[in-house]
Amino acid sequence: MFIGEETFCDTHTPGFQLRDGVLQEPVLRLIDDAMALKVPHNVFAAWMVSPLSAGACSRPVDMLDSMTLLQSSLAAFADRYRPVEKRR
C-alpha cells in the first residue's frame, strides 16, 4: 500500500508494520533502512521472519524493542545478501 510517497504495506511485507491495526514505528524505520541499503522488499521480508543467527530463536519481527541491534543486523545482512550491483 502506498500513501503519498510512503510505502506502508505491500505483498512482500505482509503487515509486519501493523499490530492491532496500528502502524508500528520500528518496522517502518526498518523498512526505510532496508530501502536505503537497497535491500529488495522480498529479501527484507525473509530477513524479518528468519532467526538473526544460527541456533538463535529470535527473529527481527519478534524483537522490535531492540532497534539498535536490528539496525546493525540489517546493515550486516544487506552487505552480504543484496544484489551485487546495488552494494555500496
N, C-alpha and C. Protein backbone atom coordinates (compact mmCIF):
# COMPACT_ATOMS: atom_id res chain seq x y z
N MET A 1 0.85 -1.17 0.00
CA MET A 1 0.00 0.00 0.00
C MET A 1 0.90 1.23 0.00
N PHE A 2 0.58 2.19 -0.85
CA PHE A 2 1.32 3.43 -0.92
C PHE A 2 0.41 4.57 -0.48
N ILE A 3 0.92 5.41 0.40
CA ILE A 3 0.21 6.61 0.81
C ILE A 3 1.15 7.76 0.54
N GLY A 4 0.83 8.58 -0.44
CA GLY A 4 1.74 9.64 -0.84
C GLY A 4 3.02 9.02 -1.35
N GLU A 5 4.14 9.43 -0.81
CA GLU A 5 5.44 8.90 -1.20
C GLU A 5 5.89 7.73 -0.32
N GLU A 6 5.08 7.35 0.63
CA GLU A 6 5.48 6.32 1.60
C GLU A 6 4.93 4.94 1.23
N THR A 7 5.72 3.90 1.49
CA THR A 7 5.29 2.51 1.34
C THR A 7 4.96 1.99 2.72
N PHE A 8 3.72 1.55 2.93
CA PHE A 8 3.33 1.04 4.23
C PHE A 8 3.12 -0.46 4.24
N CYS A 9 2.70 -1.03 3.18
CA CYS A 9 2.50 -2.48 3.14
C CYS A 9 2.45 -2.88 1.68
N ASP A 10 3.10 -3.96 1.35
CA ASP A 10 2.97 -4.48 0.00
C ASP A 10 2.94 -5.99 0.10
N THR A 11 2.92 -6.66 -1.02
CA THR A 11 2.80 -8.11 -1.00
C THR A 11 4.03 -8.78 -0.42
N HIS A 12 5.15 -8.05 -0.32
CA HIS A 12 6.38 -8.65 0.20
C HIS A 12 6.58 -8.39 1.69
N THR A 13 5.88 -7.44 2.25
CA THR A 13 5.97 -7.18 3.69
C THR A 13 4.56 -7.30 4.26
N PRO A 14 4.12 -8.53 4.47
CA PRO A 14 2.71 -8.81 4.78
C PRO A 14 2.25 -8.33 6.16
N GLY A 15 2.17 -7.02 6.32
CA GLY A 15 1.59 -6.48 7.53
C GLY A 15 2.50 -6.43 8.74
N PHE A 16 3.81 -6.64 8.57
CA PHE A 16 4.72 -6.54 9.72
C PHE A 16 4.56 -5.22 10.43
N GLN A 17 4.25 -4.18 9.67
CA GLN A 17 4.18 -2.85 10.26
C GLN A 17 2.88 -2.56 10.97
N LEU A 18 1.96 -3.48 10.97
CA LEU A 18 0.68 -3.28 11.64
C LEU A 18 0.52 -4.24 12.82
N ARG A 19 0.07 -3.69 13.94
CA ARG A 19 -0.30 -4.52 15.09
C ARG A 19 -1.62 -3.97 15.60
N ASP A 20 -2.62 -4.79 15.61
CA ASP A 20 -3.97 -4.37 16.02
C ASP A 20 -4.43 -3.15 15.24
N GLY A 21 -4.07 -3.11 13.96
CA GLY A 21 -4.49 -2.02 13.08
C GLY A 21 -3.72 -0.72 13.24
N VAL A 22 -2.67 -0.74 14.07
CA VAL A 22 -1.86 0.46 14.32
C VAL A 22 -0.48 0.26 13.71
N LEU A 23 0.02 1.29 13.02
CA LEU A 23 1.35 1.21 12.43
C LEU A 23 2.41 1.13 13.52
N GLN A 24 3.38 0.23 13.34
CA GLN A 24 4.49 0.08 14.28
C GLN A 24 5.69 0.86 13.75
N GLU A 25 6.05 1.91 14.44
CA GLU A 25 7.16 2.75 14.01
C GLU A 25 8.47 1.98 13.82
N PRO A 26 8.83 1.03 14.70
CA PRO A 26 10.08 0.31 14.49
C PRO A 26 10.15 -0.39 13.13
N VAL A 27 9.05 -0.98 12.70
CA VAL A 27 9.04 -1.67 11.42
C VAL A 27 9.16 -0.67 10.28
N LEU A 28 8.47 0.45 10.39
CA LEU A 28 8.57 1.48 9.35
C LEU A 28 10.00 1.98 9.23
N ARG A 29 10.69 2.15 10.37
CA ARG A 29 12.10 2.58 10.33
C ARG A 29 12.97 1.52 9.68
N LEU A 30 12.71 0.25 9.99
CA LEU A 30 13.50 -0.83 9.37
C LEU A 30 13.25 -0.90 7.87
N ILE A 31 12.02 -0.71 7.44
CA ILE A 31 11.73 -0.70 6.00
C ILE A 31 12.48 0.45 5.35
N ASP A 32 12.47 1.63 5.96
CA ASP A 32 13.23 2.77 5.42
C ASP A 32 14.72 2.44 5.33
N ASP A 33 15.25 1.81 6.39
CA ASP A 33 16.66 1.43 6.38
C ASP A 33 16.94 0.44 5.26
N ALA A 34 16.07 -0.55 5.11
CA ALA A 34 16.26 -1.55 4.06
C ALA A 34 16.24 -0.91 2.67
N MET A 35 15.34 0.03 2.47
CA MET A 35 15.27 0.70 1.17
C MET A 35 16.54 1.51 0.93
N ALA A 36 17.04 2.21 1.96
CA ALA A 36 18.28 2.98 1.83
C ALA A 36 19.47 2.07 1.55
N LEU A 37 19.45 0.87 2.10
CA LEU A 37 20.52 -0.10 1.89
C LEU A 37 20.34 -0.89 0.59
N LYS A 38 19.26 -0.59 -0.13
CA LYS A 38 18.93 -1.25 -1.41
C LYS A 38 18.66 -2.74 -1.26
N VAL A 39 18.01 -3.09 -0.15
CA VAL A 39 17.60 -4.47 0.09
C VAL A 39 16.21 -4.63 -0.53
N PRO A 40 16.04 -5.57 -1.47
CA PRO A 40 14.72 -5.77 -2.09
C PRO A 40 13.65 -6.13 -1.05
N HIS A 41 12.40 -5.74 -1.31
CA HIS A 41 11.30 -5.98 -0.37
C HIS A 41 11.18 -7.46 0.01
N ASN A 42 11.29 -8.34 -0.97
CA ASN A 42 11.10 -9.76 -0.66
C ASN A 42 12.24 -10.29 0.20
N VAL A 43 13.45 -9.77 0.02
CA VAL A 43 14.59 -10.18 0.84
C VAL A 43 14.42 -9.63 2.26
N PHE A 44 13.94 -8.39 2.37
CA PHE A 44 13.67 -7.81 3.68
C PHE A 44 12.62 -8.65 4.43
N ALA A 45 11.57 -9.04 3.76
CA ALA A 45 10.52 -9.84 4.40
C ALA A 45 11.07 -11.16 4.91
N ALA A 46 11.95 -11.80 4.14
CA ALA A 46 12.56 -13.05 4.58
C ALA A 46 13.44 -12.81 5.81
N TRP A 47 14.18 -11.69 5.82
CA TRP A 47 15.02 -11.35 6.97
C TRP A 47 14.17 -11.15 8.23
N MET A 48 13.02 -10.50 8.09
CA MET A 48 12.15 -10.21 9.23
C MET A 48 11.68 -11.48 9.95
N VAL A 49 11.53 -12.58 9.25
CA VAL A 49 10.99 -13.80 9.85
C VAL A 49 12.03 -14.90 10.04
N SER A 50 13.30 -14.58 9.81
CA SER A 50 14.37 -15.56 9.97
C SER A 50 15.15 -15.28 11.24
N PRO A 51 15.59 -16.33 11.95
CA PRO A 51 16.42 -16.10 13.14
C PRO A 51 17.66 -15.27 12.78
N LEU A 52 18.07 -14.39 13.68
CA LEU A 52 19.19 -13.50 13.39
C LEU A 52 20.51 -14.23 13.24
N SER A 53 20.69 -15.36 13.92
CA SER A 53 21.93 -16.12 13.77
C SER A 53 21.63 -17.60 13.90
N ALA A 54 22.59 -18.40 13.43
CA ALA A 54 22.42 -19.85 13.52
C ALA A 54 22.22 -20.26 14.97
N GLY A 55 21.24 -21.07 15.22
CA GLY A 55 20.97 -21.54 16.56
C GLY A 55 20.12 -20.58 17.40
N ALA A 56 19.88 -19.38 16.89
CA ALA A 56 19.07 -18.41 17.63
C ALA A 56 17.59 -18.64 17.34
N CYS A 57 16.76 -18.31 18.27
CA CYS A 57 15.31 -18.43 18.09
C CYS A 57 14.68 -17.08 17.77
N SER A 58 15.39 -16.00 18.04
CA SER A 58 14.82 -14.67 17.89
C SER A 58 14.83 -14.21 16.44
N ARG A 59 13.66 -13.75 16.01
CA ARG A 59 13.50 -13.19 14.66
C ARG A 59 13.32 -11.69 14.81
N PRO A 60 13.74 -10.91 13.81
CA PRO A 60 13.55 -9.46 13.89
C PRO A 60 12.11 -9.06 14.20
N VAL A 61 11.14 -9.73 13.61
CA VAL A 61 9.73 -9.38 13.83
C VAL A 61 9.33 -9.54 15.30
N ASP A 62 10.08 -10.36 16.04
CA ASP A 62 9.79 -10.58 17.46
C ASP A 62 10.63 -9.71 18.39
N MET A 63 11.52 -8.89 17.83
CA MET A 63 12.48 -8.13 18.64
C MET A 63 12.40 -6.63 18.37
N LEU A 64 11.24 -6.11 18.10
CA LEU A 64 11.11 -4.72 17.68
C LEU A 64 11.49 -3.71 18.76
N ASP A 65 11.71 -4.18 19.97
CA ASP A 65 12.15 -3.28 21.04
C ASP A 65 13.68 -3.18 21.10
N SER A 66 14.37 -3.85 20.19
CA SER A 66 15.84 -3.86 20.13
C SER A 66 16.32 -3.22 18.83
N MET A 67 15.94 -1.97 18.62
CA MET A 67 16.21 -1.31 17.32
C MET A 67 17.69 -1.19 16.99
N THR A 68 18.55 -0.89 17.95
CA THR A 68 19.98 -0.76 17.66
C THR A 68 20.52 -2.07 17.11
N LEU A 69 20.18 -3.17 17.76
CA LEU A 69 20.61 -4.49 17.30
C LEU A 69 20.03 -4.80 15.93
N LEU A 70 18.75 -4.53 15.74
CA LEU A 70 18.11 -4.83 14.46
C LEU A 70 18.71 -4.00 13.32
N GLN A 71 18.95 -2.72 13.56
CA GLN A 71 19.51 -1.88 12.50
C GLN A 71 20.92 -2.33 12.13
N SER A 72 21.75 -2.69 13.11
CA SER A 72 23.10 -3.16 12.78
C SER A 72 23.04 -4.53 12.10
N SER A 73 22.11 -5.39 12.53
CA SER A 73 21.95 -6.71 11.90
C SER A 73 21.47 -6.57 10.46
N LEU A 74 20.55 -5.64 10.23
CA LEU A 74 20.06 -5.41 8.87
C LEU A 74 21.17 -4.89 7.97
N ALA A 75 21.99 -3.99 8.47
CA ALA A 75 23.10 -3.45 7.68
C ALA A 75 24.09 -4.57 7.32
N ALA A 76 24.41 -5.42 8.29
CA ALA A 76 25.32 -6.54 8.02
C ALA A 76 24.70 -7.52 7.03
N PHE A 77 23.41 -7.79 7.20
CA PHE A 77 22.70 -8.66 6.28
C PHE A 77 22.72 -8.09 4.87
N ALA A 78 22.48 -6.79 4.75
CA ALA A 78 22.45 -6.13 3.44
C ALA A 78 23.79 -6.24 2.75
N ASP A 79 24.87 -6.10 3.49
CA ASP A 79 26.20 -6.21 2.89
C ASP A 79 26.46 -7.60 2.32
N ARG A 80 25.81 -8.62 2.89
CA ARG A 80 26.00 -9.98 2.40
C ARG A 80 25.01 -10.40 1.33
N TYR A 81 23.77 -9.91 1.38
CA TYR A 81 22.72 -10.52 0.57
C TYR A 81 22.04 -9.66 -0.48
N ARG A 82 22.28 -8.38 -0.52
CA ARG A 82 21.62 -7.62 -1.58
C ARG A 82 22.35 -7.87 -2.89
N PRO A 83 21.70 -7.65 -4.01
CA PRO A 83 22.33 -7.90 -5.30
C PRO A 83 23.64 -7.12 -5.43
N VAL A 84 24.66 -7.75 -6.03
CA VAL A 84 26.00 -7.16 -6.13
C VAL A 84 25.98 -5.78 -6.74
N GLU A 85 25.19 -5.55 -7.78
CA GLU A 85 25.18 -4.25 -8.45
C GLU A 85 24.61 -3.13 -7.57
N LYS A 86 23.98 -3.49 -6.45
CA LYS A 86 23.38 -2.47 -5.58
C LYS A 86 24.18 -2.27 -4.30
N ARG A 87 25.31 -2.94 -4.15
CA ARG A 87 26.11 -2.77 -2.94
C ARG A 87 26.81 -1.43 -2.96
N ARG A 88 27.06 -0.91 -1.74
CA ARG A 88 27.74 0.39 -1.64
C ARG A 88 29.16 0.30 -2.09
